[in-house]
N, C-alpha and C. Protein backbone atom coordinates (compact mmCIF):
# COMPACT_ATOMS: atom_id res chain seq x y z
N MET A 1 -2.85 -48.92 -42.72
CA MET A 1 -3.58 -48.00 -41.88
C MET A 1 -4.96 -48.56 -41.55
N LYS A 2 -5.39 -48.33 -40.33
CA LYS A 2 -6.75 -48.68 -39.93
C LYS A 2 -7.54 -47.38 -39.81
N LYS A 3 -8.73 -47.36 -40.44
CA LYS A 3 -9.57 -46.17 -40.48
C LYS A 3 -10.86 -46.42 -39.71
N TYR A 4 -11.22 -45.45 -38.89
CA TYR A 4 -12.44 -45.55 -38.09
C TYR A 4 -13.28 -44.27 -38.25
N LEU A 5 -14.58 -44.47 -38.34
CA LEU A 5 -15.53 -43.36 -38.39
C LEU A 5 -16.12 -43.18 -37.00
N ILE A 6 -16.22 -41.94 -36.57
CA ILE A 6 -16.84 -41.62 -35.29
C ILE A 6 -18.01 -40.68 -35.56
N VAL A 7 -19.21 -41.16 -35.29
CA VAL A 7 -20.43 -40.39 -35.51
C VAL A 7 -20.84 -39.81 -34.16
N ILE A 8 -20.77 -38.50 -34.06
CA ILE A 8 -21.00 -37.81 -32.79
C ILE A 8 -22.44 -37.31 -32.67
N ASP A 9 -23.14 -37.85 -31.68
CA ASP A 9 -24.42 -37.30 -31.18
C ASP A 9 -25.48 -36.97 -32.24
N MET A 10 -25.68 -37.88 -33.18
CA MET A 10 -26.72 -37.65 -34.20
C MET A 10 -28.08 -38.06 -33.64
N GLN A 11 -28.45 -37.41 -32.55
CA GLN A 11 -29.66 -37.71 -31.82
C GLN A 11 -30.78 -36.73 -32.17
N ASN A 12 -32.00 -37.20 -31.99
CA ASN A 12 -33.18 -36.41 -32.36
C ASN A 12 -33.19 -35.03 -31.73
N ASP A 13 -32.86 -34.92 -30.45
CA ASP A 13 -32.91 -33.60 -29.80
C ASP A 13 -31.96 -32.60 -30.45
N PHE A 14 -30.84 -33.06 -30.99
CA PHE A 14 -29.89 -32.16 -31.63
C PHE A 14 -30.22 -31.88 -33.10
N ILE A 15 -31.06 -32.72 -33.68
CA ILE A 15 -31.37 -32.56 -35.11
C ILE A 15 -32.64 -31.74 -35.29
N ASP A 16 -33.75 -32.23 -34.76
CA ASP A 16 -35.01 -31.51 -34.94
C ASP A 16 -35.80 -31.43 -33.65
N GLY A 17 -35.13 -31.67 -32.53
CA GLY A 17 -35.79 -31.63 -31.23
C GLY A 17 -35.48 -30.35 -30.48
N SER A 18 -35.35 -30.46 -29.17
CA SER A 18 -35.24 -29.29 -28.30
C SER A 18 -34.05 -28.39 -28.59
N LEU A 19 -32.97 -28.92 -29.17
CA LEU A 19 -31.81 -28.10 -29.53
C LEU A 19 -31.48 -28.18 -31.02
N GLY A 20 -32.44 -28.63 -31.81
CA GLY A 20 -32.21 -28.81 -33.24
C GLY A 20 -32.18 -27.50 -34.00
N ASN A 21 -31.64 -27.59 -35.22
CA ASN A 21 -31.67 -26.45 -36.12
C ASN A 21 -31.59 -26.94 -37.56
N ALA A 22 -31.83 -26.06 -38.50
CA ALA A 22 -31.87 -26.43 -39.91
C ALA A 22 -30.53 -26.98 -40.40
N ASP A 23 -29.43 -26.45 -39.88
CA ASP A 23 -28.11 -26.96 -40.29
C ASP A 23 -27.94 -28.42 -39.86
N ALA A 24 -28.41 -28.74 -38.67
CA ALA A 24 -28.32 -30.12 -38.19
C ALA A 24 -29.15 -31.05 -39.06
N VAL A 25 -30.35 -30.63 -39.39
CA VAL A 25 -31.21 -31.43 -40.27
C VAL A 25 -30.52 -31.65 -41.62
N SER A 26 -29.87 -30.62 -42.12
CA SER A 26 -29.29 -30.68 -43.46
C SER A 26 -28.11 -31.64 -43.58
N ILE A 27 -27.44 -31.99 -42.49
CA ILE A 27 -26.27 -32.88 -42.59
C ILE A 27 -26.62 -34.36 -42.50
N VAL A 28 -27.85 -34.69 -42.16
CA VAL A 28 -28.23 -36.10 -42.01
C VAL A 28 -27.85 -36.92 -43.25
N PRO A 29 -28.19 -36.49 -44.47
CA PRO A 29 -27.81 -37.29 -45.64
C PRO A 29 -26.30 -37.47 -45.79
N ALA A 30 -25.52 -36.44 -45.47
CA ALA A 30 -24.06 -36.55 -45.57
C ALA A 30 -23.50 -37.54 -44.56
N VAL A 31 -24.06 -37.56 -43.37
CA VAL A 31 -23.61 -38.52 -42.35
C VAL A 31 -23.99 -39.94 -42.77
N VAL A 32 -25.20 -40.12 -43.27
CA VAL A 32 -25.63 -41.44 -43.75
C VAL A 32 -24.70 -41.90 -44.87
N GLU A 33 -24.39 -41.02 -45.80
CA GLU A 33 -23.49 -41.36 -46.90
C GLU A 33 -22.12 -41.80 -46.38
N GLU A 34 -21.63 -41.09 -45.38
CA GLU A 34 -20.32 -41.43 -44.81
C GLU A 34 -20.36 -42.80 -44.14
N ILE A 35 -21.42 -43.07 -43.40
CA ILE A 35 -21.57 -44.37 -42.73
C ILE A 35 -21.57 -45.50 -43.74
N LYS A 36 -22.19 -45.26 -44.89
CA LYS A 36 -22.34 -46.32 -45.89
C LYS A 36 -21.09 -46.57 -46.73
N LYS A 37 -20.11 -45.70 -46.62
CA LYS A 37 -18.86 -45.91 -47.37
C LYS A 37 -18.22 -47.21 -46.89
N ASP A 38 -17.66 -47.93 -47.81
CA ASP A 38 -17.04 -49.21 -47.46
C ASP A 38 -15.53 -49.03 -47.29
N CYS A 39 -15.13 -48.08 -46.45
CA CYS A 39 -13.71 -47.80 -46.30
C CYS A 39 -13.25 -47.77 -44.84
N TYR A 40 -14.16 -48.07 -43.92
CA TYR A 40 -13.81 -48.00 -42.50
C TYR A 40 -13.66 -49.38 -41.90
N ASP A 41 -12.67 -49.51 -41.02
CA ASP A 41 -12.45 -50.76 -40.29
C ASP A 41 -13.41 -50.91 -39.13
N GLY A 42 -14.05 -49.82 -38.74
CA GLY A 42 -15.03 -49.84 -37.66
C GLY A 42 -15.68 -48.48 -37.50
N ILE A 43 -16.84 -48.50 -36.84
CA ILE A 43 -17.60 -47.26 -36.61
C ILE A 43 -17.97 -47.18 -35.13
N PHE A 44 -17.81 -45.98 -34.60
CA PHE A 44 -18.26 -45.66 -33.25
C PHE A 44 -19.39 -44.63 -33.38
N ALA A 45 -20.35 -44.68 -32.49
CA ALA A 45 -21.40 -43.66 -32.44
C ALA A 45 -21.61 -43.27 -30.98
N THR A 46 -21.62 -41.97 -30.73
CA THR A 46 -21.80 -41.50 -29.36
C THR A 46 -23.23 -41.01 -29.14
N TYR A 47 -23.63 -41.11 -27.90
CA TYR A 47 -24.92 -40.60 -27.42
C TYR A 47 -24.65 -39.59 -26.30
N ASP A 48 -25.06 -38.36 -26.47
CA ASP A 48 -25.09 -37.43 -25.36
C ASP A 48 -26.16 -37.99 -24.42
N THR A 49 -25.81 -38.20 -23.16
CA THR A 49 -26.73 -38.90 -22.26
C THR A 49 -26.90 -38.14 -20.96
N HIS A 50 -28.12 -37.71 -20.73
CA HIS A 50 -28.46 -37.02 -19.49
C HIS A 50 -29.62 -37.75 -18.81
N TYR A 51 -29.93 -37.31 -17.58
CA TYR A 51 -30.97 -37.96 -16.78
C TYR A 51 -31.96 -36.91 -16.29
N GLU A 52 -32.97 -37.36 -15.59
CA GLU A 52 -34.05 -36.47 -15.12
C GLU A 52 -33.54 -35.27 -14.32
N ASP A 53 -32.37 -35.39 -13.68
CA ASP A 53 -31.83 -34.30 -12.87
C ASP A 53 -30.94 -33.35 -13.68
N TYR A 54 -31.04 -33.40 -14.99
CA TYR A 54 -30.17 -32.60 -15.86
C TYR A 54 -30.14 -31.12 -15.46
N LEU A 55 -31.28 -30.53 -15.19
CA LEU A 55 -31.32 -29.09 -14.89
C LEU A 55 -30.58 -28.72 -13.62
N GLN A 56 -30.30 -29.71 -12.76
CA GLN A 56 -29.53 -29.46 -11.55
C GLN A 56 -28.02 -29.66 -11.77
N SER A 57 -27.65 -30.17 -12.93
CA SER A 57 -26.23 -30.40 -13.23
C SER A 57 -25.54 -29.08 -13.59
N ALA A 58 -24.20 -29.09 -13.58
CA ALA A 58 -23.45 -27.89 -13.96
C ALA A 58 -23.80 -27.47 -15.39
N GLU A 59 -23.91 -28.44 -16.31
CA GLU A 59 -24.27 -28.12 -17.69
C GLU A 59 -25.68 -27.57 -17.75
N GLY A 60 -26.60 -28.20 -17.03
CA GLY A 60 -28.00 -27.78 -17.05
C GLY A 60 -28.21 -26.38 -16.52
N LYS A 61 -27.34 -25.95 -15.61
CA LYS A 61 -27.45 -24.59 -15.08
C LYS A 61 -26.99 -23.56 -16.10
N LYS A 62 -26.09 -23.95 -16.99
CA LYS A 62 -25.62 -23.03 -18.02
C LYS A 62 -26.42 -23.15 -19.32
N LEU A 63 -26.99 -24.32 -19.56
CA LEU A 63 -27.84 -24.56 -20.72
C LEU A 63 -29.13 -25.19 -20.21
N PRO A 64 -30.06 -24.35 -19.73
CA PRO A 64 -31.28 -24.90 -19.10
C PRO A 64 -32.34 -25.35 -20.10
N VAL A 65 -31.94 -26.25 -20.99
CA VAL A 65 -32.86 -26.85 -21.96
C VAL A 65 -32.70 -28.35 -21.84
N GLU A 66 -33.73 -29.01 -21.34
CA GLU A 66 -33.64 -30.46 -21.22
C GLU A 66 -33.46 -31.08 -22.60
N HIS A 67 -32.49 -31.98 -22.70
CA HIS A 67 -32.22 -32.65 -23.97
C HIS A 67 -31.51 -33.98 -23.71
N CYS A 68 -31.70 -34.88 -24.63
CA CYS A 68 -31.02 -36.19 -24.61
C CYS A 68 -31.16 -36.88 -23.25
N ILE A 69 -32.37 -36.84 -22.70
CA ILE A 69 -32.66 -37.55 -21.45
C ILE A 69 -32.81 -39.03 -21.81
N LYS A 70 -31.98 -39.85 -21.22
CA LYS A 70 -31.94 -41.27 -21.57
C LYS A 70 -33.34 -41.89 -21.50
N GLY A 71 -33.67 -42.62 -22.56
CA GLY A 71 -34.97 -43.30 -22.62
C GLY A 71 -36.06 -42.51 -23.32
N THR A 72 -35.78 -41.24 -23.63
CA THR A 72 -36.78 -40.43 -24.32
C THR A 72 -36.54 -40.50 -25.83
N PRO A 73 -37.55 -40.15 -26.63
CA PRO A 73 -37.34 -40.12 -28.09
C PRO A 73 -36.22 -39.15 -28.51
N GLY A 74 -36.04 -38.07 -27.78
CA GLY A 74 -34.98 -37.12 -28.11
C GLY A 74 -33.58 -37.67 -27.92
N TRP A 75 -33.44 -38.64 -27.04
CA TRP A 75 -32.13 -39.27 -26.78
C TRP A 75 -31.75 -40.24 -27.89
N GLU A 76 -32.73 -40.77 -28.58
CA GLU A 76 -32.47 -41.79 -29.60
C GLU A 76 -31.77 -41.19 -30.81
N LEU A 77 -31.01 -42.05 -31.50
CA LEU A 77 -30.40 -41.63 -32.75
C LEU A 77 -31.48 -41.39 -33.79
N ASN A 78 -31.22 -40.45 -34.67
CA ASN A 78 -32.09 -40.19 -35.82
C ASN A 78 -32.33 -41.50 -36.55
N LYS A 79 -33.55 -41.74 -37.01
CA LYS A 79 -33.91 -43.04 -37.60
C LYS A 79 -33.10 -43.35 -38.85
N GLU A 80 -32.77 -42.35 -39.66
CA GLU A 80 -31.96 -42.60 -40.87
C GLU A 80 -30.53 -42.99 -40.49
N ILE A 81 -30.01 -42.36 -39.47
CA ILE A 81 -28.66 -42.69 -38.99
C ILE A 81 -28.67 -44.10 -38.42
N GLN A 82 -29.64 -44.37 -37.57
CA GLN A 82 -29.75 -45.70 -36.93
C GLN A 82 -29.85 -46.79 -37.98
N ALA A 83 -30.63 -46.57 -39.02
CA ALA A 83 -30.81 -47.58 -40.07
C ALA A 83 -29.52 -47.81 -40.86
N ALA A 84 -28.70 -46.79 -40.99
CA ALA A 84 -27.46 -46.90 -41.77
C ALA A 84 -26.33 -47.56 -41.00
N LEU A 85 -26.33 -47.45 -39.68
CA LEU A 85 -25.23 -47.98 -38.88
C LEU A 85 -25.18 -49.51 -38.94
N PRO A 86 -24.00 -50.06 -39.15
CA PRO A 86 -23.90 -51.53 -39.15
C PRO A 86 -24.10 -52.09 -37.74
N GLU A 87 -24.46 -53.36 -37.69
CA GLU A 87 -24.75 -54.01 -36.40
C GLU A 87 -23.58 -53.95 -35.43
N ASN A 88 -22.36 -53.97 -35.94
CA ASN A 88 -21.19 -54.01 -35.07
C ASN A 88 -20.69 -52.62 -34.66
N THR A 89 -21.50 -51.59 -34.87
CA THR A 89 -21.13 -50.24 -34.43
C THR A 89 -20.95 -50.24 -32.91
N ARG A 90 -19.88 -49.63 -32.46
CA ARG A 90 -19.63 -49.50 -31.02
C ARG A 90 -20.36 -48.26 -30.53
N LEU A 91 -21.35 -48.43 -29.65
CA LEU A 91 -22.15 -47.32 -29.12
C LEU A 91 -21.58 -46.87 -27.79
N ILE A 92 -21.43 -45.57 -27.63
CA ILE A 92 -20.84 -45.01 -26.42
C ILE A 92 -21.75 -43.92 -25.86
N GLU A 93 -22.20 -44.10 -24.65
CA GLU A 93 -22.96 -43.05 -23.96
C GLU A 93 -21.96 -42.16 -23.24
N LYS A 94 -22.15 -40.86 -23.37
CA LYS A 94 -21.24 -39.93 -22.70
C LYS A 94 -22.05 -38.88 -21.93
N PRO A 95 -21.66 -38.61 -20.70
CA PRO A 95 -22.42 -37.68 -19.87
C PRO A 95 -22.07 -36.21 -20.09
N THR A 96 -21.07 -35.97 -20.91
CA THR A 96 -20.62 -34.61 -21.15
C THR A 96 -20.13 -34.49 -22.59
N PHE A 97 -19.53 -33.38 -22.93
CA PHE A 97 -19.17 -33.08 -24.31
C PHE A 97 -18.22 -34.11 -24.92
N GLY A 98 -17.13 -34.38 -24.24
CA GLY A 98 -16.13 -35.32 -24.74
C GLY A 98 -16.21 -36.64 -24.00
N SER A 99 -15.71 -37.69 -24.64
CA SER A 99 -15.76 -39.02 -24.05
C SER A 99 -14.37 -39.58 -23.80
N TRP A 100 -14.01 -39.70 -22.54
CA TRP A 100 -12.75 -40.36 -22.18
C TRP A 100 -12.79 -41.81 -22.63
N GLU A 101 -13.96 -42.43 -22.52
CA GLU A 101 -14.10 -43.83 -22.94
C GLU A 101 -13.76 -43.99 -24.42
N LEU A 102 -14.22 -43.09 -25.25
CA LEU A 102 -13.92 -43.15 -26.67
C LEU A 102 -12.41 -43.04 -26.91
N ALA A 103 -11.76 -42.10 -26.25
CA ALA A 103 -10.32 -41.94 -26.41
C ALA A 103 -9.56 -43.20 -25.97
N GLU A 104 -10.00 -43.78 -24.86
CA GLU A 104 -9.35 -45.01 -24.37
C GLU A 104 -9.55 -46.16 -25.35
N LEU A 105 -10.76 -46.34 -25.84
CA LEU A 105 -11.03 -47.40 -26.82
C LEU A 105 -10.21 -47.19 -28.09
N ALA A 106 -10.11 -45.95 -28.53
CA ALA A 106 -9.32 -45.64 -29.72
C ALA A 106 -7.85 -46.00 -29.52
N ALA A 107 -7.34 -45.74 -28.34
CA ALA A 107 -5.94 -46.03 -28.05
C ALA A 107 -5.65 -47.52 -28.06
N ASP A 108 -6.65 -48.33 -27.83
CA ASP A 108 -6.47 -49.79 -27.79
C ASP A 108 -6.57 -50.43 -29.19
N LEU A 109 -6.76 -49.64 -30.22
CA LEU A 109 -6.99 -50.19 -31.55
C LEU A 109 -5.72 -50.52 -32.33
N GLY A 110 -4.58 -50.07 -31.83
CA GLY A 110 -3.35 -50.38 -32.54
C GLY A 110 -2.30 -49.31 -32.34
N GLU A 111 -1.24 -49.42 -33.13
CA GLU A 111 -0.14 -48.45 -33.11
C GLU A 111 -0.64 -47.10 -33.60
N GLU A 112 -0.37 -46.05 -32.81
CA GLU A 112 -0.86 -44.70 -33.13
C GLU A 112 -0.63 -44.29 -34.57
N LYS A 113 0.57 -44.49 -35.06
CA LYS A 113 0.93 -44.03 -36.40
C LYS A 113 0.17 -44.77 -37.50
N GLU A 114 -0.51 -45.83 -37.13
CA GLU A 114 -1.26 -46.62 -38.11
C GLU A 114 -2.77 -46.45 -37.98
N LEU A 115 -3.19 -45.44 -37.21
CA LEU A 115 -4.62 -45.22 -36.98
C LEU A 115 -5.09 -43.90 -37.57
N GLU A 116 -6.29 -43.95 -38.15
CA GLU A 116 -6.94 -42.75 -38.66
C GLU A 116 -8.36 -42.70 -38.12
N PHE A 117 -8.78 -41.53 -37.66
CA PHE A 117 -10.11 -41.33 -37.12
C PHE A 117 -10.77 -40.17 -37.85
N TYR A 118 -11.99 -40.41 -38.33
CA TYR A 118 -12.75 -39.41 -39.06
C TYR A 118 -14.03 -39.12 -38.29
N LEU A 119 -14.21 -37.87 -37.89
CA LEU A 119 -15.37 -37.48 -37.09
C LEU A 119 -16.39 -36.73 -37.91
N CYS A 120 -17.67 -36.99 -37.61
CA CYS A 120 -18.77 -36.25 -38.21
C CYS A 120 -19.86 -36.15 -37.15
N GLY A 121 -20.81 -35.24 -37.34
CA GLY A 121 -21.94 -35.16 -36.43
C GLY A 121 -22.14 -33.79 -35.81
N LEU A 122 -22.64 -33.82 -34.58
CA LEU A 122 -23.11 -32.63 -33.89
C LEU A 122 -22.54 -32.50 -32.48
N CYS A 123 -22.43 -31.37 -32.05
CA CYS A 123 -22.30 -30.08 -32.70
C CYS A 123 -20.81 -29.82 -32.90
N THR A 124 -20.44 -29.29 -34.05
CA THR A 124 -19.04 -29.05 -34.37
C THR A 124 -18.35 -28.29 -33.25
N ASP A 125 -19.03 -27.28 -32.73
CA ASP A 125 -18.45 -26.34 -31.77
C ASP A 125 -18.55 -26.80 -30.32
N ILE A 126 -19.09 -27.96 -30.07
CA ILE A 126 -19.20 -28.44 -28.69
C ILE A 126 -18.66 -29.87 -28.61
N CYS A 127 -19.42 -30.83 -29.05
CA CYS A 127 -19.04 -32.24 -28.87
C CYS A 127 -18.06 -32.74 -29.91
N VAL A 128 -18.15 -32.28 -31.15
CA VAL A 128 -17.18 -32.72 -32.16
C VAL A 128 -15.79 -32.21 -31.78
N ILE A 129 -15.67 -30.93 -31.49
CA ILE A 129 -14.36 -30.39 -31.14
C ILE A 129 -13.82 -31.02 -29.86
N SER A 130 -14.68 -31.25 -28.88
CA SER A 130 -14.23 -31.87 -27.62
C SER A 130 -13.65 -33.26 -27.86
N ASN A 131 -14.34 -34.06 -28.66
CA ASN A 131 -13.85 -35.42 -28.92
C ASN A 131 -12.63 -35.42 -29.82
N ALA A 132 -12.59 -34.55 -30.80
CA ALA A 132 -11.40 -34.46 -31.66
C ALA A 132 -10.17 -34.08 -30.84
N MET A 133 -10.33 -33.13 -29.93
CA MET A 133 -9.21 -32.69 -29.09
C MET A 133 -8.78 -33.79 -28.11
N LEU A 134 -9.73 -34.51 -27.54
CA LEU A 134 -9.36 -35.62 -26.66
C LEU A 134 -8.60 -36.70 -27.43
N LEU A 135 -9.07 -37.03 -28.62
CA LEU A 135 -8.37 -38.02 -29.43
C LEU A 135 -6.96 -37.54 -29.79
N LYS A 136 -6.82 -36.29 -30.16
CA LYS A 136 -5.51 -35.75 -30.51
C LYS A 136 -4.57 -35.75 -29.31
N ALA A 137 -5.09 -35.45 -28.13
CA ALA A 137 -4.27 -35.46 -26.92
C ALA A 137 -3.84 -36.88 -26.56
N LYS A 138 -4.74 -37.82 -26.70
CA LYS A 138 -4.46 -39.21 -26.35
C LYS A 138 -3.58 -39.89 -27.41
N LEU A 139 -3.79 -39.53 -28.68
CA LEU A 139 -3.09 -40.19 -29.79
C LEU A 139 -2.46 -39.14 -30.71
N PRO A 140 -1.42 -38.45 -30.25
CA PRO A 140 -0.87 -37.35 -31.05
C PRO A 140 -0.30 -37.76 -32.40
N GLU A 141 0.05 -39.02 -32.57
CA GLU A 141 0.61 -39.47 -33.85
C GLU A 141 -0.44 -40.05 -34.79
N ALA A 142 -1.66 -40.24 -34.32
CA ALA A 142 -2.74 -40.74 -35.18
C ALA A 142 -3.26 -39.60 -36.05
N LYS A 143 -3.83 -39.95 -37.18
CA LYS A 143 -4.50 -38.95 -38.00
C LYS A 143 -5.90 -38.74 -37.43
N ILE A 144 -6.21 -37.51 -37.11
CA ILE A 144 -7.54 -37.13 -36.63
C ILE A 144 -8.08 -36.14 -37.66
N ALA A 145 -9.25 -36.43 -38.21
CA ALA A 145 -9.83 -35.57 -39.24
C ALA A 145 -11.31 -35.35 -38.96
N VAL A 146 -11.78 -34.19 -39.34
CA VAL A 146 -13.19 -33.84 -39.21
C VAL A 146 -13.75 -33.63 -40.62
N ILE A 147 -14.86 -34.29 -40.89
CA ILE A 147 -15.53 -34.19 -42.19
C ILE A 147 -16.49 -33.00 -42.11
N ALA A 148 -16.01 -31.85 -42.55
CA ALA A 148 -16.73 -30.59 -42.33
C ALA A 148 -18.14 -30.57 -42.88
N HIS A 149 -18.37 -31.12 -44.06
CA HIS A 149 -19.71 -31.05 -44.65
C HIS A 149 -20.69 -32.01 -43.97
N ALA A 150 -20.19 -32.87 -43.09
CA ALA A 150 -21.04 -33.81 -42.34
C ALA A 150 -21.08 -33.43 -40.86
N CYS A 151 -20.85 -32.15 -40.59
CA CYS A 151 -20.94 -31.60 -39.23
C CYS A 151 -21.76 -30.32 -39.28
N ALA A 152 -22.36 -29.97 -38.16
CA ALA A 152 -23.06 -28.70 -38.04
C ALA A 152 -22.87 -28.20 -36.62
N GLY A 153 -22.84 -26.91 -36.49
CA GLY A 153 -22.68 -26.29 -35.18
C GLY A 153 -23.96 -25.65 -34.70
N VAL A 154 -23.85 -25.01 -33.57
CA VAL A 154 -24.98 -24.26 -33.01
C VAL A 154 -25.38 -23.16 -33.97
N SER A 155 -24.39 -22.58 -34.64
CA SER A 155 -24.62 -21.57 -35.69
C SER A 155 -23.56 -21.78 -36.76
N PRO A 156 -23.79 -21.26 -37.96
CA PRO A 156 -22.76 -21.39 -39.01
C PRO A 156 -21.42 -20.77 -38.57
N GLN A 157 -21.47 -19.64 -37.88
CA GLN A 157 -20.23 -18.99 -37.44
C GLN A 157 -19.49 -19.83 -36.40
N SER A 158 -20.21 -20.40 -35.45
CA SER A 158 -19.52 -21.22 -34.43
C SER A 158 -18.99 -22.51 -35.04
N HIS A 159 -19.66 -23.03 -36.07
CA HIS A 159 -19.15 -24.19 -36.83
C HIS A 159 -17.80 -23.84 -37.45
N GLU A 160 -17.74 -22.71 -38.15
CA GLU A 160 -16.50 -22.28 -38.80
C GLU A 160 -15.40 -22.00 -37.78
N ASN A 161 -15.76 -21.37 -36.65
CA ASN A 161 -14.78 -21.10 -35.60
C ASN A 161 -14.18 -22.39 -35.05
N ALA A 162 -15.03 -23.39 -34.86
CA ALA A 162 -14.55 -24.68 -34.34
C ALA A 162 -13.63 -25.37 -35.34
N LEU A 163 -14.00 -25.33 -36.62
CA LEU A 163 -13.14 -25.93 -37.64
C LEU A 163 -11.77 -25.24 -37.65
N ALA A 164 -11.75 -23.93 -37.54
CA ALA A 164 -10.49 -23.19 -37.53
C ALA A 164 -9.66 -23.54 -36.29
N ALA A 165 -10.30 -23.65 -35.14
CA ALA A 165 -9.58 -24.01 -33.91
C ALA A 165 -8.99 -25.40 -34.02
N MET A 166 -9.76 -26.36 -34.55
CA MET A 166 -9.23 -27.71 -34.69
C MET A 166 -8.08 -27.76 -35.68
N SER A 167 -8.17 -27.00 -36.75
CA SER A 167 -7.09 -26.95 -37.72
C SER A 167 -5.80 -26.44 -37.08
N CYS A 168 -5.92 -25.45 -36.21
CA CYS A 168 -4.74 -24.92 -35.50
C CYS A 168 -4.09 -25.99 -34.62
N CYS A 169 -4.88 -26.96 -34.21
CA CYS A 169 -4.37 -28.03 -33.32
C CYS A 169 -4.00 -29.29 -34.12
N GLN A 170 -3.74 -29.12 -35.39
CA GLN A 170 -3.26 -30.18 -36.29
C GLN A 170 -4.28 -31.31 -36.48
N ILE A 171 -5.54 -30.94 -36.43
CA ILE A 171 -6.62 -31.84 -36.80
C ILE A 171 -6.99 -31.50 -38.23
N ASP A 172 -7.01 -32.50 -39.09
CA ASP A 172 -7.31 -32.25 -40.49
C ASP A 172 -8.79 -31.94 -40.69
N ILE A 173 -9.07 -30.95 -41.51
CA ILE A 173 -10.44 -30.59 -41.85
C ILE A 173 -10.61 -30.96 -43.33
N ILE A 174 -11.53 -31.91 -43.57
CA ILE A 174 -11.73 -32.37 -44.95
C ILE A 174 -13.16 -32.13 -45.39
């Protein structure tokens, strides 16, 4: 089996910036610990990526809080996360919640039944669930798992709701 870690959107704006919260801050050590485990064949890290016209986008009209504007400090990965990531981490910028690019890259890694993907990061109820569902749709025979203690949602309740929804879709919650 080949195992891959996917670190979702551990960016400053989601941790302690414009959309941050205490739950997001609290998972940083767990994500760092997961990155440092010597059990993964590779690591991917995603960046939620927006531009100066964010407020005019469909997302910006529904969530009118500028965040993760490329090139700003809020767009950057948290310094502890950045320091823990190995040099060969595959970085993926995504303009929306889920990344088609990530799913495509995952599909190119080998035979589905021999692949395992472990997701952690932010936000459980938005980007983690979106990417887990895309991976499950693209690779139905691969193991897709979410590391619950290394994820945080917009609220504790929405975190739990997202974990329950993913579990119903045969995504392992560990």
